[in-house]
Amino acid sequence: MPKRIPEQTFWNERFEKEGYLFGTEPNSFLKSQATLFSPGQKVLSVADGEGRNGTFLADLGTDVHAVDFSDVALAKAEKLAAERGVTIRTEQVDLLSHEFSPQTYHAVVAIFIQFATPEQRGRLFENLKNALKSGGLFVLQGYRPEQIEYGTGGPPERTNMYTEEFLRQTFADFDIKHLHSHDDSIDEGPGHSGMSALIDLIAKKPT
């Protein structure tokens, strides 16, 4: 069994409740980018939680590796995948210290992975970028600092949010295909609900 870590305990307590904290339907931005994914591709779904995004990706025919701090969430993810008739490979890891194998995935999907502080996220993003194969895609949606005023989801720390400047700097060595800041209402279970300050990114690793 993996050792208990503070992050795992925090997220387990959130995911132990009945139902699905962020719903069972995929993130809307990810769903809109379905054509980016092809059957047989290896996809890393980061902080996949209860499996709404990993299950969607598996339904597209991809080989999904879903990772999260919470073993409780991943058990629910496996249940959701089984109900949808697909298979995902789950793994409970400490995302702030785990080393992903380099040049492994055709795509990395990072939807609302805003648990990392500014001091932690540099290493986290470099690790995830390194896990991509040459020509692989990094697909991200997150909150902008203005989300604090909305209070409809995400951490209470403004510094954990993303700006266009931060993402341009972080992915300066990638080809940024799409970078868009916008405010939209989202409905992703009780965890994410209401008008939100969002930012979307698609970036391609150089070949």
N, C-alpha and C. Protein backbone atom coordinates (compact mmCIF):
# COMPACT_ATOMS: atom_id res chain seq x y z
N MET A 1 0.85 -1.20 0.00
CA MET A 1 0.00 0.00 0.00
C MET A 1 0.88 1.25 0.00
N PRO A 2 0.50 2.30 -0.78
CA PRO A 2 1.27 3.54 -0.73
C PRO A 2 1.15 4.16 0.65
N LYS A 3 2.20 4.84 1.09
CA LYS A 3 2.13 5.46 2.40
C LYS A 3 1.13 6.60 2.37
N ARG A 4 0.51 6.85 3.53
CA ARG A 4 -0.44 7.94 3.62
C ARG A 4 0.32 9.26 3.58
N ILE A 5 -0.16 10.19 2.80
CA ILE A 5 0.48 11.49 2.69
C ILE A 5 -0.57 12.55 2.95
N PRO A 6 -0.16 13.75 3.40
CA PRO A 6 -1.16 14.78 3.72
C PRO A 6 -2.11 15.08 2.58
N GLU A 7 -1.59 15.16 1.36
CA GLU A 7 -2.45 15.45 0.22
C GLU A 7 -3.47 14.34 0.01
N GLN A 8 -3.04 13.10 0.18
CA GLN A 8 -3.96 11.98 0.00
C GLN A 8 -5.07 12.05 1.05
N THR A 9 -4.72 12.34 2.29
CA THR A 9 -5.71 12.43 3.35
C THR A 9 -6.71 13.53 3.06
N PHE A 10 -6.24 14.69 2.64
CA PHE A 10 -7.12 15.82 2.33
C PHE A 10 -8.11 15.46 1.24
N TRP A 11 -7.59 14.89 0.13
CA TRP A 11 -8.48 14.57 -0.98
C TRP A 11 -9.38 13.39 -0.68
N ASN A 12 -8.90 12.42 0.07
CA ASN A 12 -9.77 11.30 0.44
C ASN A 12 -10.99 11.79 1.22
N GLU A 13 -10.76 12.73 2.12
CA GLU A 13 -11.88 13.26 2.91
C GLU A 13 -12.90 13.96 2.01
N ARG A 14 -12.44 14.59 0.95
CA ARG A 14 -13.36 15.25 0.02
C ARG A 14 -14.12 14.23 -0.83
N PHE A 15 -13.44 13.16 -1.24
CA PHE A 15 -14.04 12.21 -2.16
C PHE A 15 -14.82 11.09 -1.46
N GLU A 16 -14.73 10.99 -0.13
CA GLU A 16 -15.44 9.93 0.58
C GLU A 16 -16.95 10.15 0.63
N LYS A 17 -17.40 11.36 0.31
CA LYS A 17 -18.83 11.65 0.35
C LYS A 17 -19.55 10.93 -0.78
N GLU A 18 -20.87 10.77 -0.58
CA GLU A 18 -21.69 10.12 -1.60
C GLU A 18 -21.68 10.95 -2.89
N GLY A 19 -21.84 10.28 -4.00
CA GLY A 19 -21.90 10.96 -5.27
C GLY A 19 -20.53 11.33 -5.79
N TYR A 20 -20.50 12.15 -6.82
CA TYR A 20 -19.26 12.56 -7.48
C TYR A 20 -19.05 14.06 -7.31
N LEU A 21 -17.98 14.42 -6.65
CA LEU A 21 -17.71 15.81 -6.29
C LEU A 21 -17.71 16.73 -7.51
N PHE A 22 -17.13 16.25 -8.63
CA PHE A 22 -17.06 17.06 -9.85
C PHE A 22 -17.92 16.48 -10.97
N GLY A 23 -18.91 15.68 -10.60
CA GLY A 23 -19.81 15.10 -11.58
C GLY A 23 -19.20 13.92 -12.32
N THR A 24 -19.95 13.38 -13.26
CA THR A 24 -19.50 12.21 -14.03
C THR A 24 -19.28 12.53 -15.50
N GLU A 25 -19.63 13.74 -15.91
CA GLU A 25 -19.43 14.13 -17.30
C GLU A 25 -18.06 14.80 -17.47
N PRO A 26 -17.45 14.67 -18.63
CA PRO A 26 -16.11 15.24 -18.82
C PRO A 26 -16.13 16.76 -18.78
N ASN A 27 -14.99 17.34 -18.49
CA ASN A 27 -14.80 18.77 -18.57
C ASN A 27 -15.18 19.26 -19.98
N SER A 28 -15.90 20.36 -20.05
CA SER A 28 -16.43 20.83 -21.33
C SER A 28 -15.32 21.18 -22.33
N PHE A 29 -14.26 21.81 -21.85
CA PHE A 29 -13.17 22.16 -22.76
C PHE A 29 -12.52 20.90 -23.31
N LEU A 30 -12.26 19.93 -22.43
CA LEU A 30 -11.67 18.67 -22.89
C LEU A 30 -12.57 18.00 -23.92
N LYS A 31 -13.87 17.98 -23.64
CA LYS A 31 -14.82 17.35 -24.56
C LYS A 31 -14.78 18.03 -25.92
N SER A 32 -14.62 19.36 -25.92
CA SER A 32 -14.59 20.10 -27.19
C SER A 32 -13.35 19.80 -28.01
N GLN A 33 -12.34 19.20 -27.37
CA GLN A 33 -11.09 18.90 -28.06
C GLN A 33 -10.95 17.41 -28.38
N ALA A 34 -12.06 16.70 -28.45
CA ALA A 34 -12.04 15.25 -28.64
C ALA A 34 -11.28 14.83 -29.90
N THR A 35 -11.29 15.65 -30.93
CA THR A 35 -10.63 15.27 -32.19
C THR A 35 -9.11 15.25 -32.07
N LEU A 36 -8.57 15.77 -30.97
CA LEU A 36 -7.12 15.73 -30.76
C LEU A 36 -6.62 14.33 -30.42
N PHE A 37 -7.54 13.47 -29.99
CA PHE A 37 -7.16 12.17 -29.46
C PHE A 37 -7.55 11.05 -30.43
N SER A 38 -6.64 10.09 -30.59
CA SER A 38 -6.86 8.99 -31.52
C SER A 38 -6.78 7.65 -30.79
N PRO A 39 -7.53 6.65 -31.25
CA PRO A 39 -7.47 5.33 -30.63
C PRO A 39 -6.03 4.81 -30.57
N GLY A 40 -5.69 4.24 -29.42
CA GLY A 40 -4.36 3.66 -29.22
C GLY A 40 -3.34 4.61 -28.64
N GLN A 41 -3.64 5.90 -28.63
CA GLN A 41 -2.70 6.85 -28.02
C GLN A 41 -2.61 6.62 -26.51
N LYS A 42 -1.42 6.83 -25.97
CA LYS A 42 -1.23 6.77 -24.53
C LYS A 42 -1.47 8.17 -23.96
N VAL A 43 -2.40 8.27 -23.02
CA VAL A 43 -2.77 9.56 -22.45
C VAL A 43 -2.63 9.52 -20.93
N LEU A 44 -1.94 10.52 -20.39
CA LEU A 44 -1.81 10.68 -18.94
C LEU A 44 -2.83 11.71 -18.49
N SER A 45 -3.77 11.30 -17.65
CA SER A 45 -4.76 12.22 -17.09
C SER A 45 -4.37 12.52 -15.65
N VAL A 46 -3.93 13.75 -15.43
CA VAL A 46 -3.34 14.17 -14.15
C VAL A 46 -4.42 14.62 -13.18
N ALA A 47 -4.32 14.18 -11.93
CA ALA A 47 -5.33 14.51 -10.93
C ALA A 47 -6.72 14.17 -11.47
N ASP A 48 -6.86 12.95 -11.94
CA ASP A 48 -8.08 12.52 -12.61
C ASP A 48 -9.24 12.33 -11.66
N GLY A 49 -8.98 12.30 -10.36
CA GLY A 49 -10.05 12.22 -9.38
C GLY A 49 -10.94 11.02 -9.57
N GLU A 50 -12.24 11.28 -9.65
CA GLU A 50 -13.24 10.22 -9.73
C GLU A 50 -13.47 9.70 -11.15
N GLY A 51 -12.64 10.14 -12.10
CA GLY A 51 -12.60 9.49 -13.39
C GLY A 51 -13.43 10.06 -14.51
N ARG A 52 -14.04 11.23 -14.31
CA ARG A 52 -14.91 11.76 -15.37
C ARG A 52 -14.15 12.02 -16.67
N ASN A 53 -12.92 12.53 -16.55
CA ASN A 53 -12.13 12.82 -17.76
C ASN A 53 -11.43 11.59 -18.30
N GLY A 54 -10.87 10.79 -17.41
CA GLY A 54 -10.20 9.58 -17.85
C GLY A 54 -11.15 8.62 -18.56
N THR A 55 -12.37 8.50 -18.03
CA THR A 55 -13.37 7.64 -18.65
C THR A 55 -13.75 8.15 -20.04
N PHE A 56 -13.90 9.46 -20.16
CA PHE A 56 -14.20 10.05 -21.46
C PHE A 56 -13.09 9.76 -22.47
N LEU A 57 -11.85 9.92 -22.05
CA LEU A 57 -10.72 9.67 -22.93
C LEU A 57 -10.64 8.20 -23.33
N ALA A 58 -10.92 7.32 -22.40
CA ALA A 58 -10.91 5.89 -22.70
C ALA A 58 -12.00 5.54 -23.71
N ASP A 59 -13.12 6.23 -23.61
CA ASP A 59 -14.23 5.98 -24.54
C ASP A 59 -13.87 6.41 -25.96
N LEU A 60 -12.87 7.28 -26.08
CA LEU A 60 -12.37 7.67 -27.41
C LEU A 60 -11.38 6.65 -27.97
N GLY A 61 -11.08 5.63 -27.18
CA GLY A 61 -10.19 4.57 -27.63
C GLY A 61 -8.75 4.74 -27.19
N THR A 62 -8.46 5.74 -26.36
CA THR A 62 -7.09 5.94 -25.92
C THR A 62 -6.75 5.02 -24.75
N ASP A 63 -5.46 4.86 -24.53
CA ASP A 63 -4.93 4.05 -23.43
C ASP A 63 -4.65 5.02 -22.28
N VAL A 64 -5.55 5.04 -21.30
CA VAL A 64 -5.53 6.07 -20.26
C VAL A 64 -4.79 5.60 -19.01
N HIS A 65 -3.86 6.43 -18.57
CA HIS A 65 -3.20 6.27 -17.27
C HIS A 65 -3.70 7.41 -16.39
N ALA A 66 -4.58 7.11 -15.45
CA ALA A 66 -5.20 8.11 -14.59
C ALA A 66 -4.51 8.10 -13.23
N VAL A 67 -3.97 9.25 -12.84
CA VAL A 67 -3.25 9.34 -11.57
C VAL A 67 -3.90 10.39 -10.68
N ASP A 68 -3.78 10.17 -9.37
CA ASP A 68 -4.37 11.09 -8.40
C ASP A 68 -3.75 10.85 -7.03
N PHE A 69 -3.86 11.88 -6.18
CA PHE A 69 -3.43 11.71 -4.78
C PHE A 69 -4.31 10.69 -4.06
N SER A 70 -5.60 10.64 -4.40
CA SER A 70 -6.61 9.94 -3.61
C SER A 70 -6.92 8.55 -4.13
N ASP A 71 -6.67 7.54 -3.31
CA ASP A 71 -7.05 6.18 -3.67
C ASP A 71 -8.57 6.01 -3.62
N VAL A 72 -9.24 6.77 -2.77
CA VAL A 72 -10.70 6.73 -2.70
C VAL A 72 -11.30 7.19 -4.03
N ALA A 73 -10.79 8.31 -4.56
CA ALA A 73 -11.28 8.83 -5.85
C ALA A 73 -11.01 7.84 -6.96
N LEU A 74 -9.84 7.23 -6.97
CA LEU A 74 -9.49 6.32 -8.05
C LEU A 74 -10.35 5.06 -8.03
N ALA A 75 -10.75 4.63 -6.85
CA ALA A 75 -11.67 3.49 -6.76
C ALA A 75 -13.01 3.86 -7.41
N LYS A 76 -13.46 5.09 -7.18
CA LYS A 76 -14.70 5.55 -7.82
C LYS A 76 -14.50 5.69 -9.33
N ALA A 77 -13.31 6.08 -9.73
CA ALA A 77 -13.01 6.19 -11.16
C ALA A 77 -13.09 4.83 -11.84
N GLU A 78 -12.56 3.81 -11.20
CA GLU A 78 -12.61 2.46 -11.78
C GLU A 78 -14.06 1.99 -11.89
N LYS A 79 -14.87 2.33 -10.88
CA LYS A 79 -16.29 1.97 -10.91
C LYS A 79 -17.00 2.69 -12.05
N LEU A 80 -16.72 3.97 -12.21
CA LEU A 80 -17.35 4.73 -13.29
C LEU A 80 -16.96 4.17 -14.65
N ALA A 81 -15.68 3.86 -14.82
CA ALA A 81 -15.21 3.30 -16.09
C ALA A 81 -15.90 1.97 -16.39
N ALA A 82 -16.04 1.13 -15.37
CA ALA A 82 -16.70 -0.16 -15.56
C ALA A 82 -18.15 0.04 -15.98
N GLU A 83 -18.81 1.01 -15.36
CA GLU A 83 -20.20 1.29 -15.71
C GLU A 83 -20.33 1.78 -17.15
N ARG A 84 -19.29 2.48 -17.63
CA ARG A 84 -19.31 3.01 -19.00
C ARG A 84 -18.75 2.00 -20.01
N GLY A 85 -18.28 0.86 -19.52
CA GLY A 85 -17.80 -0.19 -20.42
C GLY A 85 -16.42 0.07 -20.99
N VAL A 86 -15.59 0.82 -20.25
CA VAL A 86 -14.22 1.10 -20.69
C VAL A 86 -13.25 0.74 -19.57
N THR A 87 -11.97 0.76 -19.91
CA THR A 87 -10.93 0.42 -18.94
C THR A 87 -9.94 1.57 -18.84
N ILE A 88 -9.60 1.94 -17.63
CA ILE A 88 -8.53 2.91 -17.39
C ILE A 88 -7.55 2.29 -16.39
N ARG A 89 -6.28 2.65 -16.54
CA ARG A 89 -5.27 2.19 -15.58
C ARG A 89 -5.08 3.30 -14.55
N THR A 90 -5.37 3.00 -13.30
CA THR A 90 -5.27 4.00 -12.24
C THR A 90 -4.03 3.77 -11.40
N GLU A 91 -3.52 4.87 -10.84
CA GLU A 91 -2.35 4.78 -9.96
C GLU A 91 -2.39 5.93 -8.95
N GLN A 92 -2.29 5.57 -7.68
CA GLN A 92 -2.25 6.58 -6.63
C GLN A 92 -0.80 7.03 -6.46
N VAL A 93 -0.54 8.31 -6.70
CA VAL A 93 0.82 8.84 -6.59
C VAL A 93 0.78 10.20 -5.90
N ASP A 94 1.92 10.56 -5.33
CA ASP A 94 2.13 11.92 -4.86
C ASP A 94 2.60 12.72 -6.06
N LEU A 95 1.72 13.52 -6.60
CA LEU A 95 2.02 14.23 -7.84
C LEU A 95 3.12 15.27 -7.69
N LEU A 96 3.45 15.63 -6.46
CA LEU A 96 4.49 16.62 -6.24
C LEU A 96 5.88 16.00 -6.13
N SER A 97 5.95 14.67 -6.12
CA SER A 97 7.26 14.03 -6.03
C SER A 97 7.45 12.87 -7.01
N HIS A 98 6.35 12.36 -7.55
CA HIS A 98 6.44 11.21 -8.45
C HIS A 98 7.15 11.59 -9.75
N GLU A 99 8.02 10.72 -10.22
CA GLU A 99 8.72 10.93 -11.48
C GLU A 99 8.07 10.09 -12.58
N PHE A 100 7.49 10.75 -13.57
CA PHE A 100 6.90 10.02 -14.70
C PHE A 100 7.99 9.63 -15.68
N SER A 101 7.80 8.52 -16.32
CA SER A 101 8.78 8.05 -17.31
C SER A 101 8.83 9.03 -18.48
N PRO A 102 10.02 9.38 -18.93
CA PRO A 102 10.13 10.34 -20.03
C PRO A 102 9.69 9.75 -21.36
N GLN A 103 9.25 10.63 -22.24
CA GLN A 103 8.89 10.26 -23.62
C GLN A 103 7.92 9.07 -23.67
N THR A 104 6.85 9.15 -22.87
CA THR A 104 5.94 8.01 -22.73
C THR A 104 4.56 8.25 -23.33
N TYR A 105 4.04 9.46 -23.22
CA TYR A 105 2.63 9.72 -23.55
C TYR A 105 2.48 10.57 -24.81
N HIS A 106 1.41 10.28 -25.54
CA HIS A 106 1.07 11.10 -26.70
C HIS A 106 0.37 12.39 -26.27
N ALA A 107 -0.25 12.37 -25.09
CA ALA A 107 -0.92 13.56 -24.58
C ALA A 107 -0.93 13.54 -23.06
N VAL A 108 -0.83 14.72 -22.48
CA VAL A 108 -1.02 14.92 -21.05
C VAL A 108 -2.23 15.83 -20.88
N VAL A 109 -3.18 15.40 -20.09
CA VAL A 109 -4.39 16.18 -19.83
C VAL A 109 -4.37 16.65 -18.38
N ALA A 110 -4.44 17.95 -18.20
CA ALA A 110 -4.34 18.55 -16.86
C ALA A 110 -5.50 19.52 -16.67
N ILE A 111 -6.57 19.02 -16.08
CA ILE A 111 -7.78 19.81 -15.88
C ILE A 111 -7.89 20.21 -14.41
N PHE A 112 -7.78 21.52 -14.15
CA PHE A 112 -7.87 22.07 -12.80
C PHE A 112 -6.89 21.40 -11.83
N ILE A 113 -5.61 21.39 -12.20
CA ILE A 113 -4.59 20.80 -11.31
C ILE A 113 -3.93 21.93 -10.50
N GLN A 114 -4.72 22.63 -9.72
CA GLN A 114 -4.21 23.84 -9.07
C GLN A 114 -3.94 23.65 -7.57
N PHE A 115 -3.49 22.42 -7.26
CA PHE A 115 -3.08 22.13 -5.90
C PHE A 115 -1.65 22.57 -5.63
N ALA A 116 -0.88 22.82 -6.67
CA ALA A 116 0.55 23.14 -6.52
C ALA A 116 0.77 24.63 -6.28
N THR A 117 1.62 24.94 -5.34
CA THR A 117 2.00 26.32 -5.07
C THR A 117 2.96 26.80 -6.15
N PRO A 118 3.20 28.11 -6.26
CA PRO A 118 4.18 28.59 -7.24
C PRO A 118 5.55 27.94 -7.08
N GLU A 119 5.92 27.60 -5.84
CA GLU A 119 7.21 26.97 -5.60
C GLU A 119 7.23 25.52 -6.09
N GLN A 120 6.09 24.88 -6.09
CA GLN A 120 6.00 23.46 -6.48
C GLN A 120 5.72 23.24 -7.96
N ARG A 121 5.01 24.17 -8.59
CA ARG A 121 4.50 23.86 -9.91
C ARG A 121 5.55 23.90 -11.02
N GLY A 122 6.65 24.59 -10.81
CA GLY A 122 7.71 24.56 -11.82
C GLY A 122 8.20 23.15 -12.05
N ARG A 123 8.52 22.46 -10.96
CA ARG A 123 8.99 21.08 -11.06
C ARG A 123 7.88 20.17 -11.59
N LEU A 124 6.64 20.39 -11.12
CA LEU A 124 5.52 19.56 -11.57
C LEU A 124 5.33 19.66 -13.08
N PHE A 125 5.32 20.87 -13.61
CA PHE A 125 5.11 21.04 -15.04
C PHE A 125 6.28 20.49 -15.86
N GLU A 126 7.50 20.66 -15.39
CA GLU A 126 8.64 20.11 -16.12
C GLU A 126 8.57 18.59 -16.17
N ASN A 127 8.15 17.99 -15.07
CA ASN A 127 8.00 16.53 -15.02
C ASN A 127 6.95 16.07 -16.02
N LEU A 128 5.82 16.76 -16.08
CA LEU A 128 4.75 16.38 -17.00
C LEU A 128 5.15 16.62 -18.45
N LYS A 129 5.83 17.72 -18.71
CA LYS A 129 6.29 18.00 -20.08
C LYS A 129 7.29 16.94 -20.53
N ASN A 130 8.16 16.53 -19.63
CA ASN A 130 9.16 15.52 -19.95
C ASN A 130 8.52 14.17 -20.25
N ALA A 131 7.33 13.93 -19.66
CA ALA A 131 6.65 12.65 -19.88
C ALA A 131 6.05 12.54 -21.28
N LEU A 132 5.91 13.65 -21.98
CA LEU A 132 5.35 13.64 -23.32
C LEU A 132 6.35 13.15 -24.36
N LYS A 133 5.84 12.40 -25.32
CA LYS A 133 6.64 12.06 -26.49
C LYS A 133 6.86 13.31 -27.33
N SER A 134 7.87 13.29 -28.19
CA SER A 134 8.06 14.38 -29.14
C SER A 134 6.81 14.51 -30.00
N GLY A 135 6.34 15.73 -30.16
CA GLY A 135 5.11 15.97 -30.92
C GLY A 135 3.85 15.77 -30.12
N GLY A 136 3.98 15.41 -28.82
CA GLY A 136 2.82 15.19 -27.97
C GLY A 136 2.15 16.49 -27.56
N LEU A 137 0.90 16.38 -27.10
CA LEU A 137 0.10 17.54 -26.75
C LEU A 137 -0.12 17.66 -25.26
N PHE A 138 -0.06 18.88 -24.76
CA PHE A 138 -0.40 19.20 -23.38
C PHE A 138 -1.72 19.97 -23.43
N VAL A 139 -2.76 19.40 -22.82
CA VAL A 139 -4.10 19.99 -22.84
C VAL A 139 -4.48 20.38 -21.42
N LEU A 140 -4.75 21.66 -21.21
CA LEU A 140 -4.96 22.17 -19.85
C LEU A 140 -6.14 23.12 -19.81
N GLN A 141 -6.91 23.02 -18.75
CA GLN A 141 -7.82 24.09 -18.37
C GLN A 141 -7.64 24.35 -16.88
N GLY A 142 -7.62 25.62 -16.52
CA GLY A 142 -7.46 25.99 -15.12
C GLY A 142 -8.18 27.29 -14.82
N TYR A 143 -7.99 27.74 -13.59
CA TYR A 143 -8.58 29.00 -13.15
C TYR A 143 -7.56 30.13 -13.23
N ARG A 144 -8.04 31.32 -13.53
CA ARG A 144 -7.25 32.54 -13.45
C ARG A 144 -7.42 33.14 -12.06
N PRO A 145 -6.55 34.07 -11.65
CA PRO A 145 -6.65 34.66 -10.31
C PRO A 145 -8.01 35.28 -10.01
N GLU A 146 -8.71 35.76 -11.03
CA GLU A 146 -10.03 36.37 -10.83
C GLU A 146 -11.06 35.39 -10.28
N GLN A 147 -10.74 34.09 -10.32
CA GLN A 147 -11.64 33.08 -9.78
C GLN A 147 -11.92 33.29 -8.30
N ILE A 148 -10.99 33.87 -7.59
CA ILE A 148 -11.18 34.11 -6.15
C ILE A 148 -12.45 34.93 -5.92
N GLU A 149 -12.70 35.92 -6.77
CA GLU A 149 -13.89 36.75 -6.61
C GLU A 149 -15.17 35.96 -6.88
N TYR A 150 -15.11 35.03 -7.83
CA TYR A 150 -16.29 34.22 -8.11
C TYR A 150 -16.57 33.21 -6.99
N GLY A 151 -15.53 32.57 -6.47
CA GLY A 151 -15.70 31.61 -5.38
C GLY A 151 -16.54 30.40 -5.75
N THR A 152 -16.47 29.97 -7.00
CA THR A 152 -17.30 28.85 -7.47
C THR A 152 -16.51 27.57 -7.66
N GLY A 153 -15.32 27.51 -7.09
CA GLY A 153 -14.49 26.31 -7.22
C GLY A 153 -13.02 26.67 -7.15
N GLY A 154 -12.20 25.65 -6.94
CA GLY A 154 -10.76 25.89 -6.89
C GLY A 154 -10.27 26.25 -5.50
N PRO A 155 -8.95 26.31 -5.35
CA PRO A 155 -8.36 26.62 -4.04
C PRO A 155 -8.56 28.09 -3.68
N PRO A 156 -8.40 28.43 -2.41
CA PRO A 156 -8.56 29.82 -1.99
C PRO A 156 -7.33 30.68 -2.22
N GLU A 157 -6.27 30.10 -2.80
CA GLU A 157 -5.01 30.82 -2.99
C GLU A 157 -4.93 31.39 -4.41
N ARG A 158 -4.96 32.70 -4.52
CA ARG A 158 -4.86 33.35 -5.82
C ARG A 158 -3.58 32.97 -6.54
N THR A 159 -2.49 32.77 -5.79
CA THR A 159 -1.20 32.48 -6.40
C THR A 159 -1.15 31.11 -7.07
N ASN A 160 -2.10 30.23 -6.75
CA ASN A 160 -2.15 28.92 -7.39
C ASN A 160 -2.81 28.96 -8.77
N MET A 161 -3.42 30.09 -9.10
CA MET A 161 -4.12 30.21 -10.37
C MET A 161 -3.14 30.52 -11.50
N TYR A 162 -3.62 30.42 -12.74
CA TYR A 162 -2.76 30.62 -13.91
C TYR A 162 -3.10 31.92 -14.63
N THR A 163 -2.08 32.51 -15.19
CA THR A 163 -2.25 33.66 -16.08
C THR A 163 -1.67 33.29 -17.44
N GLU A 164 -2.03 34.07 -18.46
CA GLU A 164 -1.46 33.82 -19.78
C GLU A 164 0.05 33.98 -19.75
N GLU A 165 0.53 34.96 -19.01
CA GLU A 165 1.98 35.18 -18.92
C GLU A 165 2.67 33.96 -18.33
N PHE A 166 2.10 33.41 -17.25
CA PHE A 166 2.70 32.23 -16.62
C PHE A 166 2.75 31.05 -17.60
N LEU A 167 1.65 30.81 -18.31
CA LEU A 167 1.62 29.66 -19.22
C LEU A 167 2.53 29.88 -20.43
N ARG A 168 2.63 31.11 -20.91
CA ARG A 168 3.57 31.39 -22.01
C ARG A 168 5.00 31.14 -21.57
N GLN A 169 5.33 31.49 -20.35
CA GLN A 169 6.69 31.26 -19.85
C GLN A 169 6.93 29.77 -19.62
N THR A 170 5.96 29.10 -19.03
CA THR A 170 6.11 27.67 -18.71
C THR A 170 6.24 26.83 -19.97
N PHE A 171 5.53 27.23 -21.03
CA PHE A 171 5.54 26.46 -22.28
C PHE A 171 6.27 27.21 -23.39
N ALA A 172 7.26 28.00 -23.00
CA ALA A 172 8.04 28.75 -23.99
C ALA A 172 8.78 27.84 -24.95
N ASP A 173 9.09 26.62 -24.49
CA ASP A 173 9.80 25.67 -25.34
C ASP A 173 8.86 24.77 -26.14
N PHE A 174 7.56 24.99 -26.05
CA PHE A 174 6.55 24.26 -26.80
C PHE A 174 5.94 25.19 -27.85
N ASP A 175 5.22 24.60 -28.78
CA ASP A 175 4.46 25.37 -29.76
C ASP A 175 3.04 25.55 -29.21
N ILE A 176 2.72 26.75 -28.76
CA ILE A 176 1.39 27.01 -28.18
C ILE A 176 0.38 27.15 -29.31
N LYS A 177 -0.53 26.18 -29.39
CA LYS A 177 -1.54 26.16 -30.44
C LYS A 177 -2.79 26.95 -30.05
N HIS A 178 -3.05 27.02 -28.76
CA HIS A 178 -4.28 27.67 -28.29
C HIS A 178 -4.05 28.16 -26.87
N LEU A 179 -4.35 29.41 -26.61
CA LEU A 179 -4.27 29.98 -25.26
C LEU A 179 -5.37 31.02 -25.16
N HIS A 180 -6.34 30.77 -24.27
CA HIS A 180 -7.54 31.61 -24.26
C HIS A 180 -8.03 31.81 -22.83
N SER A 181 -8.19 33.08 -22.44
CA SER A 181 -8.78 33.44 -21.15
C SER A 181 -10.23 33.82 -21.38
N HIS A 182 -11.11 33.33 -20.52
CA HIS A 182 -12.53 33.63 -20.69
C HIS A 182 -13.28 33.37 -19.39
N ASP A 183 -14.42 34.00 -19.25
CA ASP A 183 -15.32 33.77 -18.13
C ASP A 183 -16.54 33.02 -18.65
N ASP A 184 -16.85 31.89 -18.03
CA ASP A 184 -18.00 31.09 -18.44
C ASP A 184 -18.61 30.41 -17.22
N SER A 185 -19.88 30.10 -17.34
CA SER A 185 -20.54 29.33 -16.29
C SER A 185 -20.29 27.85 -16.54
N ILE A 186 -19.88 27.14 -15.50
CA ILE A 186 -19.66 25.70 -15.62
C ILE A 186 -20.50 24.96 -14.60
N ASP A 187 -20.79 23.71 -14.91
CA ASP A 187 -21.61 22.87 -14.03
C ASP A 187 -20.95 21.50 -13.96
N GLU A 188 -20.01 21.37 -13.03
CA GLU A 188 -19.24 20.12 -12.88
C GLU A 188 -19.40 19.61 -11.45
N GLY A 189 -20.62 19.24 -11.10
CA GLY A 189 -20.89 18.76 -9.77
C GLY A 189 -20.79 19.88 -8.74
N PRO A 190 -20.96 19.57 -7.47
CA PRO A 190 -20.90 20.60 -6.43
C PRO A 190 -19.52 21.24 -6.28
N GLY A 191 -18.47 20.57 -6.78
CA GLY A 191 -17.12 21.10 -6.64
C GLY A 191 -16.82 22.28 -7.55
N HIS A 192 -17.41 22.29 -8.73
CA HIS A 192 -17.22 23.37 -9.71
C HIS A 192 -18.59 23.74 -10.26
N SER A 193 -19.13 24.86 -9.84
CA SER A 193 -20.47 25.21 -10.29
C SER A 193 -20.65 26.72 -10.27
N GLY A 194 -20.98 27.30 -11.44
CA GLY A 194 -21.25 28.72 -11.52
C GLY A 194 -20.27 29.45 -12.42
N MET A 195 -20.43 30.77 -12.51
CA MET A 195 -19.55 31.58 -13.33
C MET A 195 -18.11 31.45 -12.84
N SER A 196 -17.18 31.27 -13.78
CA SER A 196 -15.80 30.96 -13.43
C SER A 196 -14.83 31.69 -14.34
N ALA A 197 -13.67 32.05 -13.80
CA ALA A 197 -12.60 32.70 -14.56
C ALA A 197 -11.65 31.62 -15.04
N LEU A 198 -11.69 31.31 -16.34
CA LEU A 198 -11.01 30.14 -16.89
C LEU A 198 -9.88 30.53 -17.83
N ILE A 199 -8.97 29.58 -18.03
CA ILE A 199 -7.92 29.74 -19.03
C ILE A 199 -7.64 28.37 -19.64
N ASP A 200 -7.55 28.33 -20.96
CA ASP A 200 -7.35 27.08 -21.70
C ASP A 200 -6.02 27.11 -22.45
N LEU A 201 -5.39 25.95 -22.52
CA LEU A 201 -4.11 25.84 -23.22
C LEU A 201 -4.04 24.53 -23.99
N ILE A 202 -3.54 24.61 -25.21
CA ILE A 202 -3.08 23.43 -25.96
C ILE A 202 -1.70 23.75 -26.47
N ALA A 203 -0.72 22.94 -26.10
CA ALA A 203 0.65 23.18 -26.50
C ALA A 203 1.28 21.88 -27.00
N LYS A 204 2.07 21.99 -28.05
CA LYS A 204 2.67 20.81 -28.69
C LYS A 204 4.18 20.77 -28.41
N LYS A 205 4.65 19.60 -27.98
CA LYS A 205 6.07 19.42 -27.72
C LYS A 205 6.83 19.35 -29.05
N PRO A 206 7.94 20.02 -29.16
CA PRO A 206 8.67 20.00 -30.44
C PRO A 206 9.08 18.58 -30.83
N THR A 207 9.13 18.33 -32.13
CA THR A 207 9.57 17.02 -32.63
C THR A 207 11.08 17.03 -32.80
